[in-house]
């Protein structure tokens, strides 16, 4: 069953951040061989406050098998309490376009390879485009609840 149309994983690297460490962190979040799977780590540059250059690293997963593999990996790194938190907060994490948002603390992931959910902007951003049909909010909420509440995800 297709749960998500795509998943976008991104992180902002400010000048004071270790950009290479954050880049390796995003690659570690997507345990696939990017070259072999024909995936790309995009590096966009943006101007921040005081004309500081910020790198935005992004990986977009669109194939169902890539998404399923990523879900398997993510769910295996979430505790029961974190999964419960995502289900409990699903209403506020799902926008009107049926995109479900999760934030992972970037320092904890980059340094310890541990998933810690956060509400701060200092994070890896996960954006799940929910594959709801018909395209209704209650159906999307049901999908999100089933994915994060269920036993470990299987492909």
C-alpha atoms as a PDB file:
ATOM      1  CA  UNK A   1       0.000   0.000   0.000  1.00  0.00           C
ATOM      2  CA  UNK A   2       1.230   3.457  -0.872  1.00  0.00           C
ATOM      3  CA  UNK A   3       1.227   5.726   2.183  1.00  0.00           C
ATOM      4  CA  UNK A   4       3.096   8.767   0.856  1.00  0.00           C
ATOM      5  CA  UNK A   5       3.526  10.260  -2.618  1.00  0.00           C
ATOM      6  CA  UNK A   6       6.945  11.599  -1.672  1.00  0.00           C
ATOM      7  CA  UNK A   7       9.158  12.384   1.283  1.00  0.00           C
ATOM      8  CA  UNK A   8      11.475  15.393   1.360  1.00  0.00           C
ATOM      9  CA  UNK A   9      14.333  15.371   3.886  1.00  0.00           C
ATOM     10  CA  UNK A  10      16.217  18.632   4.324  1.00  0.00           C
ATOM     11  CA  UNK A  11      18.586  20.461   6.651  1.00  0.00           C
ATOM     12  CA  UNK A  12      19.865  24.028   6.789  1.00  0.00           C
ATOM     13  CA  UNK A  13      23.613  24.505   7.299  1.00  0.00           C
ATOM     14  CA  UNK A  14      24.427  27.967   8.638  1.00  0.00           C
ATOM     15  CA  UNK A  15      27.966  29.356   8.375  1.00  0.00           C
ATOM     16  CA  UNK A  16      28.727  28.407  11.989  1.00  0.00           C
ATOM     17  CA  UNK A  17      27.556  24.799  11.431  1.00  0.00           C
ATOM     18  CA  UNK A  18      29.777  21.963  10.295  1.00  0.00           C
ATOM     19  CA  UNK A  19      28.221  21.648   6.825  1.00  0.00           C
ATOM     20  CA  UNK A  20      30.009  18.405   6.016  1.00  0.00           C
ATOM     21  CA  UNK A  21      28.761  16.786   9.230  1.00  0.00           C
ATOM     22  CA  UNK A  22      25.194  17.878   8.454  1.00  0.00           C
ATOM     23  CA  UNK A  23      25.517  16.592   4.890  1.00  0.00           C
ATOM     24  CA  UNK A  24      26.722  13.226   6.227  1.00  0.00           C
ATOM     25  CA  UNK A  25      23.804  13.303   8.672  1.00  0.00           C
ATOM     26  CA  UNK A  26      21.215  13.662   5.932  1.00  0.00           C
ATOM     27  CA  UNK A  27      22.899  10.871   3.978  1.00  0.00           C
ATOM     28  CA  UNK A  28      22.745   8.681   7.096  1.00  0.00           C
ATOM     29  CA  UNK A  29      18.997   9.389   7.404  1.00  0.00           C
ATOM     30  CA  UNK A  30      18.497   7.952   3.926  1.00  0.00           C
ATOM     31  CA  UNK A  31      20.335   4.617   4.066  1.00  0.00           C
ATOM     32  CA  UNK A  32      20.351   4.100   0.312  1.00  0.00           C
ATOM     33  CA  UNK A  33      23.142   4.233  -2.223  1.00  0.00           C
ATOM     34  CA  UNK A  34      22.187   7.553  -3.853  1.00  0.00           C
ATOM     35  CA  UNK A  35      24.178   6.948  -7.029  1.00  0.00           C
ATOM     36  CA  UNK A  36      22.884   3.422  -7.513  1.00  0.00           C
ATOM     37  CA  UNK A  37      19.291   4.464  -6.748  1.00  0.00           C
ATOM     38  CA  UNK A  38      19.583   7.569  -8.955  1.00  0.00           C
ATOM     39  CA  UNK A  39      18.837   9.919  -6.078  1.00  0.00           C
ATOM     40  CA  UNK A  40      20.400  13.325  -5.647  1.00  0.00           C
ATOM     41  CA  UNK A  41      21.531  15.275  -2.627  1.00  0.00           C
ATOM     42  CA  UNK A  42      20.609  18.790  -3.670  1.00  0.00           C
ATOM     43  CA  UNK A  43      22.622  21.713  -2.330  1.00  0.00           C
ATOM     44  CA  UNK A  44      20.865  25.054  -2.627  1.00  0.00           C
ATOM     45  CA  UNK A  45      22.333  28.270  -1.339  1.00  0.00           C
ATOM     46  CA  UNK A  46      20.237  30.988   0.246  1.00  0.00           C
ATOM     47  CA  UNK A  47      21.015  34.359   1.754  1.00  0.00           C
ATOM     48  CA  UNK A  48      20.231  34.551   5.443  1.00  0.00           C
ATOM     49  CA  UNK A  49      20.261  37.510   7.793  1.00  0.00           C
ATOM     50  CA  UNK A  50      23.231  39.850   7.391  1.00  0.00           C
ATOM     51  CA  UNK A  51      23.885  38.318   3.949  1.00  0.00           C
ATOM     52  CA  UNK A  52      25.096  35.042   5.439  1.00  0.00           C
ATOM     53  CA  UNK A  53      25.125  32.114   3.020  1.00  0.00           C
ATOM     54  CA  UNK A  54      23.060  29.152   4.155  1.00  0.00           C
ATOM     55  CA  UNK A  55      23.236  25.747   2.453  1.00  0.00           C
ATOM     56  CA  UNK A  56      19.992  23.808   2.201  1.00  0.00           C
ATOM     57  CA  UNK A  57      20.651  20.107   1.662  1.00  0.00           C
ATOM     58  CA  UNK A  58      17.649  18.146   0.395  1.00  0.00           C
ATOM     59  CA  UNK A  59      16.901  14.597  -0.691  1.00  0.00           C
ATOM     60  CA  UNK A  60      13.545  13.911  -2.337  1.00  0.00           C
ATOM     61  CA  UNK A  61      12.209  10.350  -2.282  1.00  0.00           C
ATOM     62  CA  UNK A  62       9.484   9.685  -4.849  1.00  0.00           C
ATOM     63  CA  UNK A  63       9.661   5.972  -5.602  1.00  0.00           C
ATOM     64  CA  UNK A  64       7.530   3.805  -3.356  1.00  0.00           C
ATOM     65  CA  UNK A  65      10.390   1.421  -2.559  1.00  0.00           C
ATOM     66  CA  UNK A  66      12.651   4.335  -1.528  1.00  0.00           C
ATOM     67  CA  UNK A  67       9.906   5.760   0.682  1.00  0.00           C
ATOM     68  CA  UNK A  68       9.205   2.355   2.232  1.00  0.00           C
ATOM     69  CA  UNK A  69      12.897   1.785   2.907  1.00  0.00           C
ATOM     70  CA  UNK A  70      13.167   5.203   4.554  1.00  0.00           C
ATOM     71  CA  UNK A  71      10.025   4.578   6.634  1.00  0.00           C
ATOM     72  CA  UNK A  72      11.416   1.264   7.800  1.00  0.00           C
ATOM     73  CA  UNK A  73      14.632   2.993   8.861  1.00  0.00           C
ATOM     74  CA  UNK A  74      12.881   5.916  10.568  1.00  0.00           C
ATOM     75  CA  UNK A  75      10.376   3.777  12.445  1.00  0.00           C
ATOM     76  CA  UNK A  76      13.156   1.532  13.700  1.00  0.00           C
ATOM     77  CA  UNK A  77      14.834   4.623  15.219  1.00  0.00           C
ATOM     78  CA  UNK A  78      11.710   6.017  16.905  1.00  0.00           C
ATOM     79  CA  UNK A  79      10.806   4.959  20.424  1.00  0.00           C
ATOM     80  CA  UNK A  80       7.290   3.868  21.317  1.00  0.00           C
ATOM     81  CA  UNK A  81       6.834   7.215  23.091  1.00  0.00           C
ATOM     82  CA  UNK A  82       7.985   9.178  20.026  1.00  0.00           C
ATOM     83  CA  UNK A  83       5.604   7.273  17.777  1.00  0.00           C
ATOM     84  CA  UNK A  84       2.801   7.903  20.253  1.00  0.00           C
ATOM     85  CA  UNK A  85       3.716  11.613  20.274  1.00  0.00           C
ATOM     86  CA  UNK A  86       3.534  11.791  16.460  1.00  0.00           C
ATOM     87  CA  UNK A  87       0.106  10.139  16.460  1.00  0.00           C
ATOM     88  CA  UNK A  88      -1.106  12.376  19.297  1.00  0.00           C
ATOM     89  CA  UNK A  89       0.123  15.510  17.465  1.00  0.00           C
ATOM     90  CA  UNK A  90      -0.919  14.366  13.978  1.00  0.00           C
ATOM     91  CA  UNK A  91      -3.695  16.940  13.719  1.00  0.00           C
ATOM     92  CA  UNK A  92      -1.269  19.842  14.185  1.00  0.00           C
ATOM     93  CA  UNK A  93       1.526  18.284  12.108  1.00  0.00           C
ATOM     94  CA  UNK A  94      -0.673  17.844   9.022  1.00  0.00           C
ATOM     95  CA  UNK A  95      -1.239  20.935   6.882  1.00  0.00           C
ATOM     96  CA  UNK A  96      -4.093  21.693   4.494  1.00  0.00           C
ATOM     97  CA  UNK A  97      -2.106  20.273   1.545  1.00  0.00           C
ATOM     98  CA  UNK A  98      -1.951  16.945   3.434  1.00  0.00           C
ATOM     99  CA  UNK A  99       1.766  17.240   4.135  1.00  0.00           C
ATOM    100  CA  UNK A 100       2.820  15.704   7.449  1.00  0.00           C
ATOM    101  CA  UNK A 101       5.804  17.380   9.141  1.00  0.00           C
ATOM    102  CA  UNK A 102       8.383  15.859  11.480  1.00  0.00           C
ATOM    103  CA  UNK A 103      11.486  17.567  12.863  1.00  0.00           C
ATOM    104  CA  UNK A 104      14.543  15.707  14.154  1.00  0.00           C
ATOM    105  CA  UNK A 105      17.109  17.519  16.287  1.00  0.00           C
ATOM    106  CA  UNK A 106      20.078  17.996  13.979  1.00  0.00           C
ATOM    107  CA  UNK A 107      22.814  18.135  16.636  1.00  0.00           C
ATOM    108  CA  UNK A 108      21.689  14.932  18.332  1.00  0.00           C
ATOM    109  CA  UNK A 109      21.352  13.097  14.996  1.00  0.00           C
ATOM    110  CA  UNK A 110      24.636  14.446  13.582  1.00  0.00           C
ATOM    111  CA  UNK A 111      26.594  13.663  16.756  1.00  0.00           C
ATOM    112  CA  UNK A 112      24.909  10.553  18.155  1.00  0.00           C
ATOM    113  CA  UNK A 113      22.806   9.084  15.313  1.00  0.00           C
ATOM    114  CA  UNK A 114      19.841   9.175  17.674  1.00  0.00           C
ATOM    115  CA  UNK A 115      16.418  10.448  16.679  1.00  0.00           C
ATOM    116  CA  UNK A 116      15.071  13.137  18.996  1.00  0.00           C
ATOM    117  CA  UNK A 117      11.873  14.879  17.934  1.00  0.00           C
ATOM    118  CA  UNK A 118      11.980  18.641  18.282  1.00  0.00           C
ATOM    119  CA  UNK A 119       9.903  21.731  17.645  1.00  0.00           C
ATOM    120  CA  UNK A 120      12.931  23.960  17.147  1.00  0.00           C
ATOM    121  CA  UNK A 121      14.214  25.139  13.782  1.00  0.00           C
ATOM    122  CA  UNK A 122      17.626  23.560  14.456  1.00  0.00           C
ATOM    123  CA  UNK A 123      16.599  20.302  12.829  1.00  0.00           C
ATOM    124  CA  UNK A 124      16.354  17.917   9.938  1.00  0.00           C
ATOM    125  CA  UNK A 125      12.982  18.571   8.290  1.00  0.00           C
ATOM    126  CA  UNK A 126      10.928  15.587   7.137  1.00  0.00           C
ATOM    127  CA  UNK A 127       7.952  16.371   4.895  1.00  0.00           C
ATOM    128  CA  UNK A 128       5.644  13.481   4.039  1.00  0.00           C
ATOM    129  CA  UNK A 129       3.134  14.109   1.224  1.00  0.00           C
ATOM    130  CA  UNK A 130       0.294  11.829   2.316  1.00  0.00           C
ATOM    131  CA  UNK A 131      -1.219   9.656  -0.436  1.00  0.00           C
ATOM    132  CA  UNK A 132      -4.851  10.017   0.616  1.00  0.00           C
ATOM    133  CA  UNK A 133      -7.654   8.979  -1.722  1.00  0.00           C
ATOM    134  CA  UNK A 134     -10.054  10.584  -1.766  1.00  0.00           C
ATOM    135  CA  UNK A 135      -7.946  13.607  -0.896  1.00  0.00           C
ATOM    136  CA  UNK A 136      -9.486  14.392   2.488  1.00  0.00           C
ATOM    137  CA  UNK A 137      -7.914  15.417   5.760  1.00  0.00           C
ATOM    138  CA  UNK A 138      -9.557  12.673   7.840  1.00  0.00           C
ATOM    139  CA  UNK A 139      -8.273  10.002   5.454  1.00  0.00           C
ATOM    140  CA  UNK A 140      -4.758  11.497   5.577  1.00  0.00           C
ATOM    141  CA  UNK A 141      -4.888  11.533   9.390  1.00  0.00           C
ATOM    142  CA  UNK A 142      -5.903   7.869   9.341  1.00  0.00           C
ATOM    143  CA  UNK A 143      -2.938   6.995   7.129  1.00  0.00           C
ATOM    144  CA  UNK A 144      -0.482   8.884   9.347  1.00  0.00           C
ATOM    145  CA  UNK A 145      -1.944   7.258  12.453  1.00  0.00           C
ATOM    146  CA  UNK A 146      -1.688   3.785  10.921  1.00  0.00           C
ATOM    147  CA  UNK A 147       1.913   4.291   9.793  1.00  0.00           C
ATOM    148  CA  UNK A 148       3.245   5.643  13.076  1.00  0.00           C
ATOM    149  CA  UNK A 149       1.061   3.615  15.423  1.00  0.00           C
ATOM    150  CA  UNK A 150       1.606   0.242  13.757  1.00  0.00           C
ATOM    151  CA  UNK A 151       4.279  -2.310  14.407  1.00  0.00           C
ATOM    152  CA  UNK A 152       7.540  -1.769  12.497  1.00  0.00           C
ATOM    153  CA  UNK A 153       6.850  -0.982   8.864  1.00  0.00           C
ATOM    154  CA  UNK A 154       7.409  -3.714   6.295  1.00  0.00           C
ATOM    155  CA  UNK A 155       7.985  -3.167   2.603  1.00  0.00           C
END
